[in-house]
């Protein structure tokens, strides 16, 4: 239960940060790059609410998902689905492909993978 609460809190904090970045930050670094790094960490923490035990390849799965969504942007999936007038869905899915976004997703997922290793080693070292 403690793990779930930790990941729920992390998810809510990350969501709030992403929300603030989307509404108030209009620069050429934080919004496009830091926001993309954080979004995969947000997805990771959200999944961990429901699957609190270690999933060895979860960071990889999150990366594949995020990269797939980015590739779908290249094929204008929002327009294909007829969602271009839906502001929320256009924002969530995204409308413009950028290879640098995939690199940011990779960085965020590496961070999650390192987090998994550190947390696992710490839990293993704790006396029961």
N, C-alpha and C. Protein backbone atom coordinates (compact mmCIF):
# COMPACT_ATOMS: atom_id res chain seq x y z
N UNK A 1 0.82 -1.21 0.00
CA UNK A 1 0.00 0.00 0.00
C UNK A 1 0.86 1.26 0.00
N UNK A 2 2.00 1.20 0.71
CA UNK A 2 2.89 2.36 0.76
C UNK A 2 3.43 2.72 -0.62
N UNK A 3 3.77 1.69 -1.39
CA UNK A 3 4.28 1.93 -2.74
C UNK A 3 3.22 2.59 -3.60
N UNK A 4 2.00 2.10 -3.50
CA UNK A 4 0.91 2.67 -4.31
C UNK A 4 0.70 4.14 -3.96
N UNK A 5 0.74 4.45 -2.68
CA UNK A 5 0.56 5.83 -2.25
C UNK A 5 1.71 6.71 -2.75
N UNK A 6 2.92 6.19 -2.70
CA UNK A 6 4.08 6.92 -3.21
C UNK A 6 3.89 7.24 -4.69
N UNK A 7 3.51 6.22 -5.48
CA UNK A 7 3.36 6.43 -6.92
C UNK A 7 2.15 7.29 -7.25
N UNK A 8 1.09 7.20 -6.45
CA UNK A 8 -0.05 8.08 -6.64
C UNK A 8 0.37 9.54 -6.42
N UNK A 9 1.08 9.77 -5.34
CA UNK A 9 1.56 11.13 -5.04
C UNK A 9 2.48 11.64 -6.15
N UNK A 10 3.40 10.79 -6.58
CA UNK A 10 4.33 11.18 -7.65
C UNK A 10 3.56 11.50 -8.93
N UNK A 11 2.56 10.69 -9.24
CA UNK A 11 1.76 10.93 -10.44
C UNK A 11 1.03 12.25 -10.36
N UNK A 12 0.42 12.53 -9.22
CA UNK A 12 -0.31 13.79 -9.07
C UNK A 12 0.62 15.00 -9.15
N UNK A 13 1.79 14.90 -8.53
CA UNK A 13 2.75 16.00 -8.59
C UNK A 13 3.24 16.21 -10.03
N UNK A 14 3.59 15.12 -10.69
CA UNK A 14 4.06 15.23 -12.08
C UNK A 14 2.96 15.77 -12.99
N UNK A 15 1.73 15.33 -12.76
CA UNK A 15 0.62 15.85 -13.57
C UNK A 15 0.47 17.36 -13.37
N UNK A 16 0.56 17.80 -12.12
CA UNK A 16 0.45 19.24 -11.83
C UNK A 16 1.58 20.01 -12.50
N UNK A 17 2.80 19.46 -12.45
CA UNK A 17 3.94 20.12 -13.09
C UNK A 17 3.73 20.18 -14.60
N UNK A 18 3.30 19.08 -15.20
CA UNK A 18 3.04 19.06 -16.64
C UNK A 18 1.94 20.05 -17.01
N UNK A 19 0.91 20.11 -16.21
CA UNK A 19 -0.20 21.04 -16.44
C UNK A 19 0.29 22.48 -16.42
N UNK A 20 1.11 22.80 -15.41
CA UNK A 20 1.67 24.16 -15.30
C UNK A 20 2.60 24.47 -16.47
N UNK A 21 3.39 23.50 -16.88
CA UNK A 21 4.27 23.71 -18.03
C UNK A 21 3.43 24.00 -19.28
N UNK A 22 2.37 23.22 -19.47
CA UNK A 22 1.52 23.40 -20.65
C UNK A 22 0.83 24.76 -20.66
N UNK A 23 0.41 25.24 -19.49
CA UNK A 23 -0.33 26.50 -19.43
C UNK A 23 0.55 27.75 -19.36
N UNK A 24 1.68 27.64 -18.65
CA UNK A 24 2.41 28.86 -18.33
C UNK A 24 3.81 28.98 -18.91
N UNK A 25 4.36 27.90 -19.42
CA UNK A 25 5.74 27.96 -19.92
C UNK A 25 5.70 27.93 -21.45
N UNK A 26 6.26 28.97 -22.02
CA UNK A 26 6.26 29.09 -23.49
C UNK A 26 7.68 29.42 -23.94
N UNK A 27 8.58 28.52 -23.67
CA UNK A 27 9.99 28.74 -24.03
C UNK A 27 10.44 27.68 -25.03
N UNK A 28 11.72 27.65 -25.29
CA UNK A 28 12.23 26.70 -26.28
C UNK A 28 13.01 25.56 -25.64
N UNK A 29 12.94 25.41 -24.31
CA UNK A 29 13.64 24.31 -23.66
C UNK A 29 12.74 23.53 -22.71
N UNK A 30 12.19 24.19 -21.69
CA UNK A 30 11.42 23.48 -20.67
C UNK A 30 10.19 22.81 -21.27
N UNK A 31 9.40 23.57 -21.98
CA UNK A 31 8.16 23.00 -22.52
C UNK A 31 8.43 21.86 -23.51
N UNK A 32 9.28 22.04 -24.50
CA UNK A 32 9.45 20.95 -25.46
C UNK A 32 10.32 19.79 -24.97
N UNK A 33 11.30 20.05 -24.13
CA UNK A 33 12.22 18.97 -23.77
C UNK A 33 11.97 18.43 -22.36
N UNK A 34 11.97 19.28 -21.37
CA UNK A 34 11.73 18.83 -19.99
C UNK A 34 10.33 18.23 -19.88
N UNK A 35 9.36 18.86 -20.54
CA UNK A 35 8.00 18.33 -20.52
C UNK A 35 7.92 16.92 -21.09
N UNK A 36 8.69 16.66 -22.17
CA UNK A 36 8.68 15.33 -22.77
C UNK A 36 9.39 14.30 -21.91
N UNK A 37 10.44 14.70 -21.22
CA UNK A 37 11.11 13.79 -20.29
C UNK A 37 10.15 13.44 -19.16
N UNK A 38 9.47 14.45 -18.64
CA UNK A 38 8.57 14.23 -17.50
C UNK A 38 7.33 13.43 -17.87
N UNK A 39 6.86 13.54 -19.11
CA UNK A 39 5.62 12.86 -19.46
C UNK A 39 5.78 11.34 -19.41
N UNK A 40 6.93 10.82 -19.80
CA UNK A 40 7.11 9.36 -19.71
C UNK A 40 7.28 8.92 -18.26
N UNK A 41 7.87 9.77 -17.44
CA UNK A 41 7.96 9.46 -16.01
C UNK A 41 6.56 9.48 -15.40
N UNK A 42 5.72 10.40 -15.84
CA UNK A 42 4.33 10.45 -15.40
C UNK A 42 3.59 9.17 -15.78
N UNK A 43 3.76 8.72 -17.00
CA UNK A 43 3.12 7.47 -17.44
C UNK A 43 3.62 6.30 -16.59
N UNK A 44 4.92 6.26 -16.37
CA UNK A 44 5.52 5.20 -15.56
C UNK A 44 4.94 5.18 -14.14
N UNK A 45 4.89 6.35 -13.49
CA UNK A 45 4.37 6.39 -12.11
C UNK A 45 2.90 6.04 -12.07
N UNK A 46 2.16 6.44 -13.10
CA UNK A 46 0.73 6.09 -13.16
C UNK A 46 0.54 4.58 -13.24
N UNK A 47 1.30 3.92 -14.08
CA UNK A 47 1.20 2.46 -14.20
C UNK A 47 1.59 1.79 -12.89
N UNK A 48 2.61 2.34 -12.23
CA UNK A 48 3.09 1.74 -10.97
C UNK A 48 2.07 1.85 -9.84
N UNK A 49 1.10 2.74 -9.94
CA UNK A 49 0.02 2.78 -8.94
C UNK A 49 -0.71 1.43 -8.94
N UNK A 50 -0.93 0.89 -10.12
CA UNK A 50 -1.69 -0.35 -10.27
C UNK A 50 -0.82 -1.60 -10.24
N UNK A 51 0.45 -1.43 -10.56
CA UNK A 51 1.41 -2.55 -10.54
C UNK A 51 2.60 -2.09 -9.69
N UNK A 52 2.45 -2.13 -8.35
CA UNK A 52 3.50 -1.57 -7.50
C UNK A 52 4.77 -2.41 -7.43
N UNK A 53 4.68 -3.69 -7.76
CA UNK A 53 5.88 -4.53 -7.72
C UNK A 53 6.71 -4.27 -8.96
N UNK A 54 7.98 -4.56 -8.85
CA UNK A 54 8.89 -4.30 -9.94
C UNK A 54 8.49 -5.06 -11.21
N UNK A 55 8.43 -4.32 -12.30
CA UNK A 55 8.24 -4.90 -13.62
C UNK A 55 9.52 -4.57 -14.38
N UNK A 56 10.32 -5.56 -14.57
CA UNK A 56 11.67 -5.38 -15.07
C UNK A 56 11.76 -4.51 -16.32
N UNK A 57 10.89 -4.70 -17.26
CA UNK A 57 10.98 -3.98 -18.53
C UNK A 57 9.98 -2.84 -18.66
N UNK A 58 9.35 -2.44 -17.57
CA UNK A 58 8.35 -1.37 -17.65
C UNK A 58 8.90 -0.10 -18.29
N UNK A 59 10.09 0.37 -17.93
CA UNK A 59 10.59 1.57 -18.62
C UNK A 59 10.69 1.39 -20.14
N UNK A 60 11.07 0.21 -20.57
CA UNK A 60 11.13 -0.07 -22.01
C UNK A 60 9.74 -0.04 -22.63
N UNK A 61 8.76 -0.63 -21.95
CA UNK A 61 7.39 -0.63 -22.47
C UNK A 61 6.86 0.80 -22.58
N UNK A 62 7.14 1.63 -21.59
CA UNK A 62 6.70 3.02 -21.62
C UNK A 62 7.37 3.74 -22.79
N UNK A 63 8.66 3.49 -23.00
CA UNK A 63 9.37 4.12 -24.12
C UNK A 63 8.75 3.70 -25.46
N UNK A 64 8.49 2.43 -25.63
CA UNK A 64 7.91 1.94 -26.89
C UNK A 64 6.54 2.60 -27.12
N UNK A 65 5.74 2.69 -26.07
CA UNK A 65 4.43 3.34 -26.17
C UNK A 65 4.58 4.80 -26.59
N UNK A 66 5.45 5.54 -25.90
CA UNK A 66 5.64 6.95 -26.19
C UNK A 66 6.19 7.17 -27.60
N UNK A 67 7.15 6.35 -27.99
CA UNK A 67 7.71 6.47 -29.34
C UNK A 67 6.65 6.14 -30.39
N UNK A 68 5.81 5.15 -30.11
CA UNK A 68 4.74 4.79 -31.05
C UNK A 68 3.77 5.96 -31.24
N UNK A 69 3.41 6.61 -30.14
CA UNK A 69 2.53 7.77 -30.23
C UNK A 69 3.20 8.87 -31.06
N UNK A 70 4.48 9.08 -30.83
CA UNK A 70 5.22 10.10 -31.59
C UNK A 70 5.24 9.74 -33.08
N UNK A 71 5.46 8.49 -33.40
CA UNK A 71 5.46 8.06 -34.80
C UNK A 71 4.07 8.23 -35.42
N UNK A 72 3.03 7.96 -34.64
CA UNK A 72 1.67 8.19 -35.14
C UNK A 72 1.44 9.66 -35.44
N UNK A 73 2.11 10.54 -34.72
CA UNK A 73 2.01 11.98 -35.02
C UNK A 73 2.55 12.28 -36.42
N UNK A 74 3.60 11.56 -36.79
CA UNK A 74 4.18 11.74 -38.13
C UNK A 74 3.12 11.44 -39.20
N UNK A 75 2.27 10.46 -38.92
CA UNK A 75 1.23 10.07 -39.86
C UNK A 75 -0.08 10.83 -39.62
N UNK A 76 0.00 11.90 -38.83
CA UNK A 76 -1.14 12.79 -38.55
C UNK A 76 -2.36 12.02 -38.02
N UNK A 77 -2.13 11.22 -36.99
CA UNK A 77 -3.18 10.38 -36.43
C UNK A 77 -4.37 11.19 -35.91
N UNK A 78 -4.11 12.39 -35.42
CA UNK A 78 -5.21 13.23 -34.91
C UNK A 78 -6.18 13.55 -36.04
N UNK A 79 -5.65 13.88 -37.20
CA UNK A 79 -6.50 14.18 -38.35
C UNK A 79 -7.18 12.91 -38.87
N UNK A 80 -6.44 11.81 -38.91
CA UNK A 80 -7.01 10.54 -39.39
C UNK A 80 -8.21 10.15 -38.53
N UNK A 81 -8.10 10.38 -37.22
CA UNK A 81 -9.20 10.04 -36.30
C UNK A 81 -10.27 11.12 -36.23
N UNK A 82 -10.05 12.23 -36.92
CA UNK A 82 -11.03 13.32 -36.93
C UNK A 82 -11.08 14.09 -35.61
N UNK A 83 -9.95 14.14 -34.89
CA UNK A 83 -9.92 14.79 -33.57
C UNK A 83 -9.23 16.15 -33.60
N UNK A 84 -8.95 16.69 -34.78
CA UNK A 84 -8.20 17.94 -34.86
C UNK A 84 -8.92 19.11 -34.20
N UNK A 85 -10.23 19.05 -34.07
CA UNK A 85 -10.98 20.13 -33.43
C UNK A 85 -11.17 19.91 -31.93
N UNK A 86 -10.76 18.75 -31.43
CA UNK A 86 -10.85 18.44 -30.01
C UNK A 86 -9.54 18.86 -29.34
N UNK A 87 -9.57 19.97 -28.63
CA UNK A 87 -8.36 20.55 -28.04
C UNK A 87 -7.70 19.59 -27.07
N UNK A 88 -8.48 18.92 -26.26
CA UNK A 88 -7.91 18.02 -25.25
C UNK A 88 -7.21 16.84 -25.93
N UNK A 89 -7.88 16.18 -26.85
CA UNK A 89 -7.29 15.01 -27.51
C UNK A 89 -6.09 15.42 -28.38
N UNK A 90 -6.18 16.56 -29.03
CA UNK A 90 -5.06 17.04 -29.84
C UNK A 90 -3.84 17.30 -28.96
N UNK A 91 -4.08 17.81 -27.76
CA UNK A 91 -2.98 18.09 -26.84
C UNK A 91 -2.41 16.79 -26.29
N UNK A 92 -3.26 15.87 -25.89
CA UNK A 92 -2.81 14.61 -25.30
C UNK A 92 -2.04 13.77 -26.33
N UNK A 93 -2.59 13.62 -27.51
CA UNK A 93 -1.94 12.81 -28.54
C UNK A 93 -0.78 13.56 -29.18
N UNK A 94 -0.95 14.84 -29.37
CA UNK A 94 0.07 15.65 -30.03
C UNK A 94 -0.20 15.73 -31.52
N UNK A 95 0.34 16.76 -32.13
CA UNK A 95 0.05 16.97 -33.55
C UNK A 95 1.28 17.11 -34.42
N UNK A 96 2.46 17.19 -33.81
CA UNK A 96 3.64 17.38 -34.65
C UNK A 96 4.75 16.41 -34.24
N UNK A 97 5.25 15.70 -35.22
CA UNK A 97 6.33 14.76 -35.01
C UNK A 97 7.66 15.50 -34.86
N UNK A 98 8.47 15.05 -33.90
CA UNK A 98 9.82 15.59 -33.73
C UNK A 98 10.70 14.46 -33.17
N UNK A 99 11.72 14.12 -33.89
CA UNK A 99 12.62 13.03 -33.48
C UNK A 99 13.25 13.33 -32.12
N UNK A 100 13.42 14.61 -31.80
CA UNK A 100 14.00 14.98 -30.50
C UNK A 100 13.08 14.58 -29.34
N UNK A 101 11.78 14.51 -29.60
CA UNK A 101 10.85 14.06 -28.57
C UNK A 101 11.15 12.61 -28.19
N UNK A 102 11.46 11.79 -29.18
CA UNK A 102 11.78 10.39 -28.90
C UNK A 102 13.03 10.30 -28.05
N UNK A 103 14.00 11.16 -28.31
CA UNK A 103 15.20 11.21 -27.48
C UNK A 103 14.85 11.60 -26.05
N UNK A 104 13.97 12.56 -25.88
CA UNK A 104 13.53 12.96 -24.54
C UNK A 104 12.81 11.82 -23.83
N UNK A 105 11.99 11.08 -24.56
CA UNK A 105 11.31 9.93 -23.97
C UNK A 105 12.33 8.89 -23.51
N UNK A 106 13.37 8.72 -24.32
CA UNK A 106 14.43 7.78 -23.96
C UNK A 106 15.10 8.21 -22.65
N UNK A 107 15.43 9.50 -22.54
CA UNK A 107 16.07 10.01 -21.33
C UNK A 107 15.17 9.78 -20.11
N UNK A 108 13.89 10.08 -20.24
CA UNK A 108 12.96 9.86 -19.14
C UNK A 108 12.85 8.40 -18.75
N UNK A 109 12.86 7.52 -19.73
CA UNK A 109 12.76 6.09 -19.45
C UNK A 109 14.05 5.53 -18.85
N UNK A 110 15.19 6.09 -19.26
CA UNK A 110 16.45 5.70 -18.62
C UNK A 110 16.41 6.10 -17.15
N UNK A 111 15.90 7.28 -16.87
CA UNK A 111 15.75 7.72 -15.48
C UNK A 111 14.87 6.72 -14.71
N UNK A 112 13.77 6.29 -15.31
CA UNK A 112 12.88 5.31 -14.65
C UNK A 112 13.60 3.98 -14.43
N UNK A 113 14.39 3.56 -15.41
CA UNK A 113 15.14 2.31 -15.27
C UNK A 113 16.16 2.39 -14.15
N UNK A 114 16.86 3.51 -14.06
CA UNK A 114 17.82 3.71 -12.98
C UNK A 114 17.09 3.72 -11.64
N UNK A 115 15.93 4.37 -11.60
CA UNK A 115 15.11 4.40 -10.39
C UNK A 115 14.74 2.97 -9.97
N UNK A 116 14.33 2.14 -10.93
CA UNK A 116 13.98 0.74 -10.64
C UNK A 116 15.16 0.02 -9.99
N UNK A 117 16.35 0.17 -10.55
CA UNK A 117 17.53 -0.53 -10.05
C UNK A 117 17.87 -0.06 -8.64
N UNK A 118 17.88 1.25 -8.43
CA UNK A 118 18.22 1.80 -7.11
C UNK A 118 17.20 1.35 -6.07
N UNK A 119 15.94 1.46 -6.40
CA UNK A 119 14.88 1.08 -5.45
C UNK A 119 14.93 -0.41 -5.15
N UNK A 120 15.15 -1.23 -6.16
CA UNK A 120 15.22 -2.67 -5.96
C UNK A 120 16.39 -3.04 -5.05
N UNK A 121 17.54 -2.44 -5.30
CA UNK A 121 18.72 -2.73 -4.47
C UNK A 121 18.49 -2.28 -3.02
N UNK A 122 17.86 -1.15 -2.85
CA UNK A 122 17.57 -0.65 -1.50
C UNK A 122 16.60 -1.57 -0.78
N UNK A 123 15.56 -2.01 -1.47
CA UNK A 123 14.59 -2.92 -0.84
C UNK A 123 15.22 -4.26 -0.50
N UNK A 124 16.09 -4.73 -1.36
CA UNK A 124 16.76 -6.00 -1.14
C UNK A 124 17.70 -5.92 0.06
N UNK A 125 18.30 -4.75 0.28
CA UNK A 125 19.26 -4.59 1.38
C UNK A 125 18.58 -4.36 2.73
N UNK A 126 17.30 -3.92 2.71
CA UNK A 126 16.59 -3.67 3.96
C UNK A 126 16.30 -4.97 4.69
N UNK A 127 16.51 -4.98 6.01
CA UNK A 127 16.16 -6.18 6.79
C UNK A 127 14.64 -6.34 6.85
N UNK A 128 14.21 -7.57 6.85
CA UNK A 128 12.74 -7.81 6.85
C UNK A 128 12.23 -8.18 8.20
